[in-house]
Amino acid sequence: MALLAKHPVVAIEQHETFPKQTFRNRTQIATGNGVLTLNVPVSRPDGNHTSTNNITVSYHEPWNVRHWRAILSAYNAAPYFLYYRDGLEAILLKRHEFLIELNYELTKYLMDKLKIECSLEFSSSYVQSEADFRDLRVKLTAKQKLTDLRFPSYSQVFGSRYGFVPNLSVIDLLFNLGPEAKSYLMHLSE
């Protein structure tokens, strides 16, 4: 989100072969028991060669209800949770067929609440990494840390127990800082 806030146009690659273990289908939140990874289970209709736009969301287990309960438990005491909970809950509990639809709806909702003015465009074909744009596809892996961003601390719900936890889902920032969240994102140094 910090990078979306700083760029007027962002292209979303939808024709790449869906890479495993990335933030395309997971995020992390701070809970009373520490950091929790929320993982959206997906299906690959074409096996390991499935393109991102064809990745479907699996509802064999009620992951969305579990995720919402975890968010509710983790952030119910956050100062701005009540202002944003209904919209987020509606998106999470809606059954999306494709992961790209879920991600797009979540991203647009969060951009709206953060007042981020950025045009999101989907690629029309696979785009090779080129020198004329900043390619962040490889930065979205769960194993690779974002070393080029510095996260100043802010008050978090479980901060007194665990200290400040950086680089969580942007909902942590939104629920804890509310209207000041965009300013925080704009001042992150790269």
N, C-alpha and C. Protein backbone atom coordinates (compact mmCIF):
# COMPACT_ATOMS: atom_id res chain seq x y z
N MET A 1 0.83 -1.20 0.00
CA MET A 1 0.00 0.00 0.00
C MET A 1 0.87 1.26 0.00
N ALA A 2 2.00 1.18 0.68
CA ALA A 2 2.89 2.34 0.70
C ALA A 2 3.36 2.67 -0.72
N LEU A 3 3.61 1.64 -1.49
CA LEU A 3 4.06 1.87 -2.87
C LEU A 3 2.91 2.32 -3.76
N LEU A 4 1.71 1.83 -3.52
CA LEU A 4 0.54 2.30 -4.27
C LEU A 4 0.30 3.78 -4.01
N ALA A 5 0.50 4.19 -2.77
CA ALA A 5 0.26 5.58 -2.38
C ALA A 5 1.22 6.54 -3.08
N LYS A 6 2.35 6.03 -3.56
CA LYS A 6 3.37 6.90 -4.15
C LYS A 6 3.42 6.84 -5.67
N HIS A 7 2.52 6.07 -6.30
CA HIS A 7 2.54 5.94 -7.75
C HIS A 7 1.14 6.19 -8.32
N PRO A 8 1.04 6.98 -9.38
CA PRO A 8 -0.27 7.30 -9.94
C PRO A 8 -0.92 6.14 -10.71
N VAL A 9 -0.11 5.24 -11.26
CA VAL A 9 -0.63 4.11 -12.04
C VAL A 9 0.17 2.86 -11.65
N VAL A 10 -0.57 1.79 -11.40
CA VAL A 10 0.06 0.52 -11.07
C VAL A 10 -0.55 -0.56 -11.94
N ALA A 11 0.31 -1.38 -12.55
CA ALA A 11 -0.16 -2.50 -13.36
C ALA A 11 -0.15 -3.76 -12.51
N ILE A 12 -1.24 -4.49 -12.56
CA ILE A 12 -1.34 -5.76 -11.86
C ILE A 12 -1.14 -6.87 -12.88
N GLU A 13 -0.10 -7.66 -12.66
CA GLU A 13 0.21 -8.75 -13.58
C GLU A 13 -0.77 -9.89 -13.33
N GLN A 14 -1.54 -10.23 -14.34
CA GLN A 14 -2.52 -11.31 -14.18
C GLN A 14 -2.23 -12.51 -15.07
N HIS A 15 -1.19 -12.42 -15.88
CA HIS A 15 -0.90 -13.50 -16.81
C HIS A 15 0.35 -14.30 -16.44
N GLU A 16 0.97 -13.98 -15.33
CA GLU A 16 2.11 -14.75 -14.88
C GLU A 16 1.64 -16.12 -14.40
N THR A 17 2.51 -17.10 -14.39
CA THR A 17 2.20 -18.38 -13.76
C THR A 17 2.18 -18.12 -12.27
N PHE A 18 1.08 -18.48 -11.62
CA PHE A 18 0.89 -18.15 -10.21
C PHE A 18 2.01 -18.72 -9.34
N PRO A 19 2.77 -17.83 -8.69
CA PRO A 19 3.87 -18.31 -7.84
C PRO A 19 3.37 -18.69 -6.44
N LYS A 20 3.93 -19.74 -5.89
CA LYS A 20 3.56 -20.19 -4.55
C LYS A 20 4.24 -19.33 -3.49
N GLN A 21 3.69 -19.37 -2.28
CA GLN A 21 4.23 -18.71 -1.10
C GLN A 21 4.49 -17.22 -1.31
N THR A 22 3.48 -16.53 -1.79
CA THR A 22 3.59 -15.09 -1.96
C THR A 22 2.46 -14.40 -1.21
N PHE A 23 2.52 -13.10 -1.16
CA PHE A 23 1.46 -12.32 -0.51
C PHE A 23 0.27 -12.12 -1.43
N ARG A 24 0.22 -12.82 -2.54
CA ARG A 24 -0.95 -12.75 -3.42
C ARG A 24 -2.16 -13.42 -2.77
N ASN A 25 -1.90 -14.36 -1.85
CA ASN A 25 -3.02 -15.02 -1.18
C ASN A 25 -2.80 -15.15 0.34
N ARG A 26 -1.98 -14.28 0.89
CA ARG A 26 -1.77 -14.31 2.34
C ARG A 26 -1.37 -12.95 2.86
N THR A 27 -1.59 -12.78 4.16
CA THR A 27 -1.16 -11.57 4.85
C THR A 27 -0.95 -11.94 6.30
N GLN A 28 -0.45 -10.99 7.08
CA GLN A 28 -0.21 -11.25 8.50
C GLN A 28 -0.86 -10.16 9.34
N ILE A 29 -1.39 -10.59 10.50
CA ILE A 29 -1.96 -9.65 11.47
C ILE A 29 -1.34 -9.94 12.83
N ALA A 30 -1.42 -8.97 13.73
CA ALA A 30 -0.94 -9.15 15.10
C ALA A 30 -2.13 -9.54 15.97
N THR A 31 -1.98 -10.64 16.69
CA THR A 31 -3.04 -11.13 17.57
C THR A 31 -2.51 -11.22 19.00
N GLY A 32 -3.38 -11.59 19.91
CA GLY A 32 -2.98 -11.77 21.30
C GLY A 32 -1.97 -12.90 21.47
N ASN A 33 -1.85 -13.78 20.49
CA ASN A 33 -0.90 -14.88 20.53
C ASN A 33 0.30 -14.66 19.62
N GLY A 34 0.47 -13.46 19.13
CA GLY A 34 1.58 -13.15 18.23
C GLY A 34 1.09 -12.96 16.80
N VAL A 35 2.01 -13.01 15.88
CA VAL A 35 1.69 -12.80 14.46
C VAL A 35 0.97 -14.03 13.91
N LEU A 36 -0.12 -13.78 13.20
CA LEU A 36 -0.91 -14.84 12.59
C LEU A 36 -0.95 -14.62 11.09
N THR A 37 -0.64 -15.65 10.32
CA THR A 37 -0.73 -15.58 8.87
C THR A 37 -2.13 -16.01 8.45
N LEU A 38 -2.78 -15.16 7.67
CA LEU A 38 -4.09 -15.47 7.11
C LEU A 38 -3.85 -15.87 5.66
N ASN A 39 -4.14 -17.12 5.35
CA ASN A 39 -3.86 -17.67 4.04
C ASN A 39 -5.18 -18.03 3.35
N VAL A 40 -5.41 -17.48 2.17
CA VAL A 40 -6.59 -17.82 1.38
C VAL A 40 -6.28 -19.07 0.58
N PRO A 41 -7.00 -20.17 0.84
CA PRO A 41 -6.74 -21.39 0.08
C PRO A 41 -7.20 -21.23 -1.37
N VAL A 42 -6.36 -21.70 -2.27
CA VAL A 42 -6.66 -21.54 -3.69
C VAL A 42 -6.58 -22.87 -4.42
N SER A 43 -7.17 -22.89 -5.60
CA SER A 43 -7.09 -24.05 -6.50
C SER A 43 -6.45 -23.60 -7.79
N ARG A 44 -5.66 -24.50 -8.37
CA ARG A 44 -4.98 -24.24 -9.63
C ARG A 44 -5.57 -25.16 -10.69
N PRO A 45 -6.55 -24.70 -11.45
CA PRO A 45 -7.20 -25.57 -12.44
C PRO A 45 -6.25 -26.18 -13.46
N ASP A 46 -5.16 -25.47 -13.77
CA ASP A 46 -4.19 -25.96 -14.76
C ASP A 46 -2.90 -26.42 -14.07
N GLY A 47 -3.01 -26.84 -12.82
CA GLY A 47 -1.83 -27.29 -12.08
C GLY A 47 -0.83 -26.17 -11.87
N ASN A 48 0.44 -26.52 -11.90
CA ASN A 48 1.50 -25.53 -11.65
C ASN A 48 1.65 -24.51 -12.78
N HIS A 49 0.91 -24.68 -13.86
CA HIS A 49 0.99 -23.75 -14.99
C HIS A 49 -0.20 -22.80 -15.05
N THR A 50 -0.96 -22.72 -13.95
CA THR A 50 -2.14 -21.86 -13.92
C THR A 50 -1.72 -20.40 -13.83
N SER A 51 -2.29 -19.57 -14.69
CA SER A 51 -1.98 -18.14 -14.62
C SER A 51 -2.76 -17.51 -13.47
N THR A 52 -2.25 -16.42 -12.98
CA THR A 52 -2.83 -15.75 -11.81
C THR A 52 -4.31 -15.45 -11.99
N ASN A 53 -4.72 -15.03 -13.17
CA ASN A 53 -6.13 -14.67 -13.38
C ASN A 53 -7.06 -15.88 -13.37
N ASN A 54 -6.51 -17.10 -13.39
CA ASN A 54 -7.33 -18.31 -13.35
C ASN A 54 -7.28 -19.04 -12.01
N ILE A 55 -6.60 -18.47 -11.04
CA ILE A 55 -6.54 -19.07 -9.71
C ILE A 55 -7.89 -18.86 -9.02
N THR A 56 -8.50 -19.96 -8.59
CA THR A 56 -9.80 -19.86 -7.94
C THR A 56 -9.64 -19.96 -6.43
N VAL A 57 -10.60 -19.37 -5.73
CA VAL A 57 -10.62 -19.42 -4.27
C VAL A 57 -11.34 -20.69 -3.85
N SER A 58 -10.74 -21.43 -2.93
CA SER A 58 -11.34 -22.67 -2.45
C SER A 58 -12.18 -22.39 -1.20
N TYR A 59 -13.38 -22.93 -1.19
CA TYR A 59 -14.27 -22.77 -0.03
C TYR A 59 -14.59 -24.13 0.59
N HIS A 60 -13.68 -25.10 0.45
CA HIS A 60 -13.91 -26.40 1.08
C HIS A 60 -13.95 -26.26 2.60
N GLU A 61 -13.22 -25.31 3.11
CA GLU A 61 -13.22 -24.96 4.54
C GLU A 61 -13.69 -23.51 4.64
N PRO A 62 -14.33 -23.15 5.74
CA PRO A 62 -14.82 -21.77 5.88
C PRO A 62 -13.71 -20.79 6.30
N TRP A 63 -12.67 -20.71 5.48
CA TRP A 63 -11.52 -19.86 5.79
C TRP A 63 -11.93 -18.41 6.00
N ASN A 64 -12.90 -17.92 5.20
CA ASN A 64 -13.26 -16.52 5.29
C ASN A 64 -13.91 -16.19 6.63
N VAL A 65 -14.70 -17.12 7.15
CA VAL A 65 -15.31 -16.92 8.47
C VAL A 65 -14.23 -16.95 9.54
N ARG A 66 -13.30 -17.88 9.43
CA ARG A 66 -12.18 -17.96 10.38
C ARG A 66 -11.32 -16.71 10.33
N HIS A 67 -11.04 -16.24 9.13
CA HIS A 67 -10.23 -15.02 9.00
C HIS A 67 -10.96 -13.83 9.64
N TRP A 68 -12.25 -13.71 9.39
CA TRP A 68 -12.99 -12.60 9.95
C TRP A 68 -12.99 -12.69 11.48
N ARG A 69 -13.19 -13.86 12.02
CA ARG A 69 -13.16 -14.02 13.49
C ARG A 69 -11.80 -13.66 14.07
N ALA A 70 -10.74 -14.04 13.38
CA ALA A 70 -9.38 -13.70 13.84
C ALA A 70 -9.18 -12.18 13.80
N ILE A 71 -9.64 -11.54 12.74
CA ILE A 71 -9.53 -10.07 12.63
C ILE A 71 -10.35 -9.40 13.72
N LEU A 72 -11.55 -9.88 13.93
CA LEU A 72 -12.43 -9.34 14.97
C LEU A 72 -11.77 -9.45 16.34
N SER A 73 -11.24 -10.61 16.65
CA SER A 73 -10.58 -10.84 17.93
C SER A 73 -9.34 -9.97 18.09
N ALA A 74 -8.55 -9.85 17.02
CA ALA A 74 -7.30 -9.10 17.08
C ALA A 74 -7.50 -7.59 17.14
N TYR A 75 -8.54 -7.08 16.47
CA TYR A 75 -8.65 -5.63 16.30
C TYR A 75 -9.89 -4.99 16.92
N ASN A 76 -10.69 -5.76 17.60
CA ASN A 76 -11.91 -5.21 18.19
C ASN A 76 -11.60 -4.04 19.13
N ALA A 77 -10.43 -4.05 19.76
CA ALA A 77 -10.06 -2.98 20.68
C ALA A 77 -9.29 -1.85 19.99
N ALA A 78 -9.03 -1.98 18.69
CA ALA A 78 -8.30 -0.93 17.96
C ALA A 78 -9.18 0.32 17.87
N PRO A 79 -8.59 1.50 17.95
CA PRO A 79 -9.37 2.73 18.00
C PRO A 79 -10.28 3.00 16.80
N TYR A 80 -9.93 2.52 15.61
CA TYR A 80 -10.71 2.83 14.42
C TYR A 80 -11.39 1.61 13.81
N PHE A 81 -11.38 0.50 14.52
CA PHE A 81 -11.95 -0.74 14.00
C PHE A 81 -13.42 -0.57 13.61
N LEU A 82 -14.19 0.08 14.46
CA LEU A 82 -15.63 0.24 14.21
C LEU A 82 -15.92 1.01 12.92
N TYR A 83 -15.01 1.89 12.52
CA TYR A 83 -15.23 2.71 11.33
C TYR A 83 -15.06 1.93 10.03
N TYR A 84 -14.28 0.86 10.07
CA TYR A 84 -13.93 0.16 8.83
C TYR A 84 -14.37 -1.30 8.79
N ARG A 85 -14.86 -1.82 9.89
CA ARG A 85 -15.13 -3.25 10.00
C ARG A 85 -16.20 -3.74 9.04
N ASP A 86 -17.29 -2.99 8.87
CA ASP A 86 -18.42 -3.47 8.07
C ASP A 86 -18.04 -3.71 6.61
N GLY A 87 -17.32 -2.78 6.03
CA GLY A 87 -16.91 -2.94 4.63
C GLY A 87 -15.97 -4.11 4.44
N LEU A 88 -15.02 -4.25 5.34
CA LEU A 88 -14.07 -5.35 5.25
C LEU A 88 -14.76 -6.69 5.47
N GLU A 89 -15.65 -6.74 6.43
CA GLU A 89 -16.39 -7.97 6.70
C GLU A 89 -17.21 -8.39 5.48
N ALA A 90 -17.88 -7.44 4.85
CA ALA A 90 -18.71 -7.74 3.68
C ALA A 90 -17.86 -8.33 2.55
N ILE A 91 -16.68 -7.80 2.33
CA ILE A 91 -15.81 -8.31 1.27
C ILE A 91 -15.31 -9.71 1.60
N LEU A 92 -14.88 -9.91 2.83
CA LEU A 92 -14.34 -11.22 3.21
C LEU A 92 -15.39 -12.32 3.20
N LEU A 93 -16.61 -11.99 3.59
CA LEU A 93 -17.64 -13.02 3.67
C LEU A 93 -18.35 -13.28 2.34
N LYS A 94 -18.11 -12.41 1.36
CA LYS A 94 -18.64 -12.63 0.02
C LYS A 94 -17.82 -13.74 -0.65
N ARG A 95 -18.49 -14.60 -1.38
CA ARG A 95 -17.79 -15.70 -2.05
C ARG A 95 -17.29 -15.23 -3.42
N HIS A 96 -16.00 -15.05 -3.52
CA HIS A 96 -15.36 -14.67 -4.78
C HIS A 96 -14.91 -15.93 -5.50
N GLU A 97 -15.15 -15.99 -6.79
CA GLU A 97 -14.72 -17.17 -7.54
C GLU A 97 -13.21 -17.17 -7.76
N PHE A 98 -12.66 -16.01 -8.14
CA PHE A 98 -11.25 -15.92 -8.47
C PHE A 98 -10.50 -15.08 -7.44
N LEU A 99 -9.28 -15.48 -7.15
CA LEU A 99 -8.44 -14.76 -6.19
C LEU A 99 -8.20 -13.33 -6.65
N ILE A 100 -8.02 -13.12 -7.93
CA ILE A 100 -7.75 -11.78 -8.43
C ILE A 100 -8.94 -10.84 -8.17
N GLU A 101 -10.15 -11.38 -8.19
CA GLU A 101 -11.35 -10.58 -7.88
C GLU A 101 -11.37 -10.20 -6.40
N LEU A 102 -11.07 -11.15 -5.53
CA LEU A 102 -11.01 -10.87 -4.08
C LEU A 102 -9.94 -9.82 -3.80
N ASN A 103 -8.75 -10.02 -4.35
CA ASN A 103 -7.66 -9.08 -4.11
C ASN A 103 -7.98 -7.68 -4.64
N TYR A 104 -8.58 -7.61 -5.81
CA TYR A 104 -8.93 -6.32 -6.39
C TYR A 104 -9.96 -5.60 -5.51
N GLU A 105 -10.98 -6.31 -5.09
CA GLU A 105 -12.02 -5.68 -4.26
C GLU A 105 -11.45 -5.21 -2.92
N LEU A 106 -10.61 -6.02 -2.30
CA LEU A 106 -9.96 -5.62 -1.04
C LEU A 106 -9.06 -4.41 -1.26
N THR A 107 -8.27 -4.44 -2.31
CA THR A 107 -7.35 -3.34 -2.60
C THR A 107 -8.10 -2.04 -2.85
N LYS A 108 -9.15 -2.10 -3.66
CA LYS A 108 -9.93 -0.88 -3.94
C LYS A 108 -10.59 -0.34 -2.66
N TYR A 109 -11.12 -1.23 -1.84
CA TYR A 109 -11.74 -0.80 -0.58
C TYR A 109 -10.70 -0.10 0.31
N LEU A 110 -9.55 -0.73 0.46
CA LEU A 110 -8.51 -0.15 1.31
C LEU A 110 -7.96 1.15 0.73
N MET A 111 -7.80 1.21 -0.58
CA MET A 111 -7.35 2.46 -1.20
C MET A 111 -8.36 3.57 -0.95
N ASP A 112 -9.64 3.25 -1.04
CA ASP A 112 -10.69 4.24 -0.78
C ASP A 112 -10.61 4.75 0.66
N LYS A 113 -10.50 3.84 1.61
CA LYS A 113 -10.46 4.23 3.02
C LYS A 113 -9.18 4.98 3.36
N LEU A 114 -8.10 4.66 2.68
CA LEU A 114 -6.82 5.33 2.90
C LEU A 114 -6.69 6.60 2.05
N LYS A 115 -7.68 6.83 1.19
CA LYS A 115 -7.67 7.98 0.29
C LYS A 115 -6.44 7.98 -0.62
N ILE A 116 -6.11 6.80 -1.12
CA ILE A 116 -4.99 6.64 -2.06
C ILE A 116 -5.54 6.78 -3.48
N GLU A 117 -4.98 7.73 -4.21
CA GLU A 117 -5.40 7.96 -5.59
C GLU A 117 -4.38 7.32 -6.52
N CYS A 118 -4.71 6.14 -6.97
CA CYS A 118 -3.83 5.38 -7.84
C CYS A 118 -4.73 4.59 -8.78
N SER A 119 -4.40 4.61 -10.05
CA SER A 119 -5.15 3.85 -11.03
C SER A 119 -4.58 2.44 -11.12
N LEU A 120 -5.43 1.45 -10.91
CA LEU A 120 -5.01 0.05 -11.03
C LEU A 120 -5.41 -0.46 -12.40
N GLU A 121 -4.44 -1.02 -13.11
CA GLU A 121 -4.69 -1.57 -14.43
C GLU A 121 -4.23 -3.02 -14.45
N PHE A 122 -4.95 -3.87 -15.16
CA PHE A 122 -4.55 -5.26 -15.31
C PHE A 122 -3.74 -5.41 -16.59
N SER A 123 -2.72 -6.23 -16.56
CA SER A 123 -1.92 -6.48 -17.76
C SER A 123 -2.77 -7.23 -18.78
N SER A 124 -2.54 -6.95 -20.05
CA SER A 124 -3.28 -7.64 -21.11
C SER A 124 -2.54 -8.89 -21.58
N SER A 125 -1.27 -8.99 -21.23
CA SER A 125 -0.46 -10.17 -21.51
C SER A 125 0.70 -10.15 -20.52
N TYR A 126 1.45 -11.25 -20.46
CA TYR A 126 2.58 -11.29 -19.52
C TYR A 126 3.61 -10.23 -19.91
N VAL A 127 4.04 -9.47 -18.94
CA VAL A 127 5.00 -8.39 -19.17
C VAL A 127 6.34 -8.80 -18.57
N GLN A 128 7.37 -8.86 -19.42
CA GLN A 128 8.72 -9.15 -18.93
C GLN A 128 9.21 -7.96 -18.12
N SER A 129 10.10 -8.21 -17.22
CA SER A 129 10.70 -7.14 -16.43
C SER A 129 11.51 -6.24 -17.36
N GLU A 130 11.24 -4.95 -17.31
CA GLU A 130 11.92 -4.00 -18.18
C GLU A 130 12.47 -2.85 -17.36
N ALA A 131 13.36 -2.10 -17.94
CA ALA A 131 14.00 -1.00 -17.23
C ALA A 131 13.09 0.20 -17.05
N ASP A 132 12.02 0.32 -17.85
CA ASP A 132 11.20 1.53 -17.79
C ASP A 132 10.08 1.47 -16.75
N PHE A 133 10.03 0.41 -15.94
CA PHE A 133 9.06 0.40 -14.85
C PHE A 133 9.64 -0.38 -13.67
N ARG A 134 9.10 -0.11 -12.51
CA ARG A 134 9.56 -0.77 -11.29
C ARG A 134 8.79 -2.07 -11.10
N ASP A 135 9.46 -3.17 -11.16
CA ASP A 135 8.84 -4.50 -11.08
C ASP A 135 8.90 -5.00 -9.64
N LEU A 136 7.73 -5.11 -9.02
CA LEU A 136 7.67 -5.55 -7.63
C LEU A 136 7.12 -6.96 -7.48
N ARG A 137 6.95 -7.66 -8.57
CA ARG A 137 6.40 -9.02 -8.48
C ARG A 137 7.23 -9.92 -7.59
N VAL A 138 8.52 -9.82 -7.67
CA VAL A 138 9.39 -10.68 -6.86
C VAL A 138 9.44 -10.24 -5.40
N LYS A 139 8.98 -9.04 -5.11
CA LYS A 139 8.97 -8.53 -3.74
C LYS A 139 7.78 -9.05 -2.93
N LEU A 140 6.84 -9.70 -3.59
CA LEU A 140 5.62 -10.12 -2.91
C LEU A 140 5.71 -11.54 -2.35
N THR A 141 6.90 -11.99 -2.04
CA THR A 141 7.06 -13.33 -1.50
C THR A 141 7.08 -13.29 0.02
N ALA A 142 6.54 -14.34 0.62
CA ALA A 142 6.48 -14.40 2.09
C ALA A 142 7.87 -14.59 2.69
N LYS A 143 8.77 -15.19 1.95
CA LYS A 143 10.11 -15.46 2.48
C LYS A 143 11.05 -14.27 2.37
N GLN A 144 10.80 -13.39 1.40
CA GLN A 144 11.68 -12.24 1.20
C GLN A 144 11.16 -11.04 1.98
N LYS A 145 12.00 -10.48 2.83
CA LYS A 145 11.62 -9.32 3.63
C LYS A 145 11.77 -8.05 2.79
N LEU A 146 10.89 -7.08 3.06
CA LEU A 146 11.00 -5.78 2.38
C LEU A 146 12.08 -4.97 3.08
N THR A 147 13.29 -5.12 2.63
CA THR A 147 14.41 -4.44 3.29
C THR A 147 14.53 -2.98 2.86
N ASP A 148 13.85 -2.60 1.79
CA ASP A 148 13.97 -1.23 1.30
C ASP A 148 12.95 -0.29 1.93
N LEU A 149 12.08 -0.79 2.80
CA LEU A 149 11.13 0.07 3.50
C LEU A 149 11.44 0.06 4.99
N ARG A 150 11.38 1.22 5.60
CA ARG A 150 11.57 1.36 7.05
C ARG A 150 10.23 1.72 7.66
N PHE A 151 9.82 0.97 8.67
CA PHE A 151 8.51 1.14 9.28
C PHE A 151 8.65 1.77 10.66
N PRO A 152 8.38 3.07 10.78
CA PRO A 152 8.38 3.69 12.13
C PRO A 152 7.27 3.07 12.97
N SER A 153 7.50 3.00 14.26
CA SER A 153 6.50 2.37 15.12
C SER A 153 5.28 3.27 15.30
N TYR A 154 4.17 2.65 15.53
CA TYR A 154 2.92 3.32 15.89
C TYR A 154 2.24 2.45 16.93
N SER A 155 1.25 2.95 17.60
CA SER A 155 0.58 2.20 18.64
C SER A 155 -0.25 1.06 18.03
N GLN A 156 0.01 -0.17 18.48
CA GLN A 156 -0.71 -1.34 18.03
C GLN A 156 -1.45 -1.97 19.21
N VAL A 157 -2.50 -2.70 18.94
CA VAL A 157 -3.34 -3.28 19.99
C VAL A 157 -2.52 -4.10 20.98
N PHE A 158 -1.61 -4.94 20.49
CA PHE A 158 -0.82 -5.80 21.37
C PHE A 158 0.62 -5.32 21.49
N GLY A 159 0.84 -4.04 21.25
CA GLY A 159 2.18 -3.47 21.32
C GLY A 159 2.81 -3.58 22.69
N SER A 160 2.02 -3.47 23.76
CA SER A 160 2.60 -3.56 25.10
C SER A 160 3.08 -4.98 25.40
N ARG A 161 2.53 -5.96 24.73
CA ARG A 161 2.90 -7.36 24.94
C ARG A 161 4.07 -7.78 24.05
N TYR A 162 4.05 -7.36 22.79
CA TYR A 162 5.04 -7.86 21.82
C TYR A 162 5.95 -6.78 21.26
N GLY A 163 5.72 -5.55 21.60
CA GLY A 163 6.46 -4.47 20.96
C GLY A 163 5.87 -4.20 19.59
N PHE A 164 6.47 -3.28 18.88
CA PHE A 164 5.97 -2.94 17.54
C PHE A 164 6.30 -4.04 16.55
N VAL A 165 5.30 -4.46 15.78
CA VAL A 165 5.49 -5.47 14.73
C VAL A 165 5.33 -4.78 13.38
N PRO A 166 6.41 -4.66 12.59
CA PRO A 166 6.33 -3.98 11.29
C PRO A 166 5.79 -4.87 10.19
N ASN A 167 5.39 -4.24 9.11
CA ASN A 167 5.04 -4.90 7.85
C ASN A 167 3.90 -5.91 7.98
N LEU A 168 2.90 -5.55 8.76
CA LEU A 168 1.70 -6.37 8.85
C LEU A 168 0.74 -5.95 7.74
N SER A 169 -0.39 -6.59 7.67
CA SER A 169 -1.43 -6.17 6.74
C SER A 169 -1.74 -4.70 6.97
N VAL A 170 -2.10 -4.02 5.92
CA VAL A 170 -2.43 -2.59 6.03
C VAL A 170 -3.66 -2.38 6.92
N ILE A 171 -4.45 -3.41 7.15
CA ILE A 171 -5.60 -3.24 8.05
C ILE A 171 -5.13 -2.93 9.46
N ASP A 172 -3.94 -3.43 9.87
CA ASP A 172 -3.39 -3.09 11.18
C ASP A 172 -3.18 -1.59 11.28
N LEU A 173 -2.60 -1.02 10.26
CA LEU A 173 -2.36 0.42 10.21
C LEU A 173 -3.67 1.19 10.20
N LEU A 174 -4.61 0.78 9.37
CA LEU A 174 -5.89 1.46 9.24
C LEU A 174 -6.68 1.41 10.55
N PHE A 175 -6.77 0.24 11.18
CA PHE A 175 -7.53 0.10 12.41
C PHE A 175 -6.88 0.84 13.58
N ASN A 176 -5.55 1.00 13.55
CA ASN A 176 -4.87 1.66 14.65
C ASN A 176 -4.67 3.16 14.45
N LEU A 177 -4.51 3.61 13.21
CA LEU A 177 -4.26 5.03 12.94
C LEU A 177 -5.42 5.75 12.26
N GLY A 178 -6.34 5.03 11.68
CA GLY A 178 -7.50 5.64 11.04
C GLY A 178 -7.10 6.65 9.99
N PRO A 179 -7.59 7.89 10.10
CA PRO A 179 -7.33 8.91 9.08
C PRO A 179 -5.85 9.28 8.92
N GLU A 180 -5.03 8.96 9.90
CA GLU A 180 -3.59 9.27 9.82
C GLU A 180 -2.80 8.19 9.08
N ALA A 181 -3.45 7.11 8.70
CA ALA A 181 -2.76 5.99 8.06
C ALA A 181 -2.11 6.39 6.74
N LYS A 182 -2.79 7.20 5.94
CA LYS A 182 -2.20 7.60 4.65
C LYS A 182 -0.93 8.41 4.86
N SER A 183 -0.96 9.31 5.81
CA SER A 183 0.23 10.11 6.10
C SER A 183 1.40 9.21 6.50
N TYR A 184 1.12 8.21 7.29
CA TYR A 184 2.16 7.24 7.68
C TYR A 184 2.74 6.58 6.42
N LEU A 185 1.87 6.10 5.53
CA LEU A 185 2.34 5.44 4.32
C LEU A 185 3.17 6.36 3.45
N MET A 186 2.76 7.62 3.35
CA MET A 186 3.47 8.59 2.50
C MET A 186 4.85 8.92 3.03
N HIS A 187 5.06 8.71 4.32
CA HIS A 187 6.36 9.06 4.92
C HIS A 187 7.28 7.87 5.11
N LEU A 188 6.86 6.70 4.64
CA LEU A 188 7.78 5.57 4.72
C LEU A 188 8.95 5.82 3.78
N SER A 189 10.16 5.60 4.27
CA SER A 189 11.33 5.84 3.43
C SER A 189 11.71 4.55 2.71
N GLU A 190 12.12 4.74 1.48
CA GLU A 190 12.58 3.59 0.68
C GLU A 190 14.09 3.61 0.59
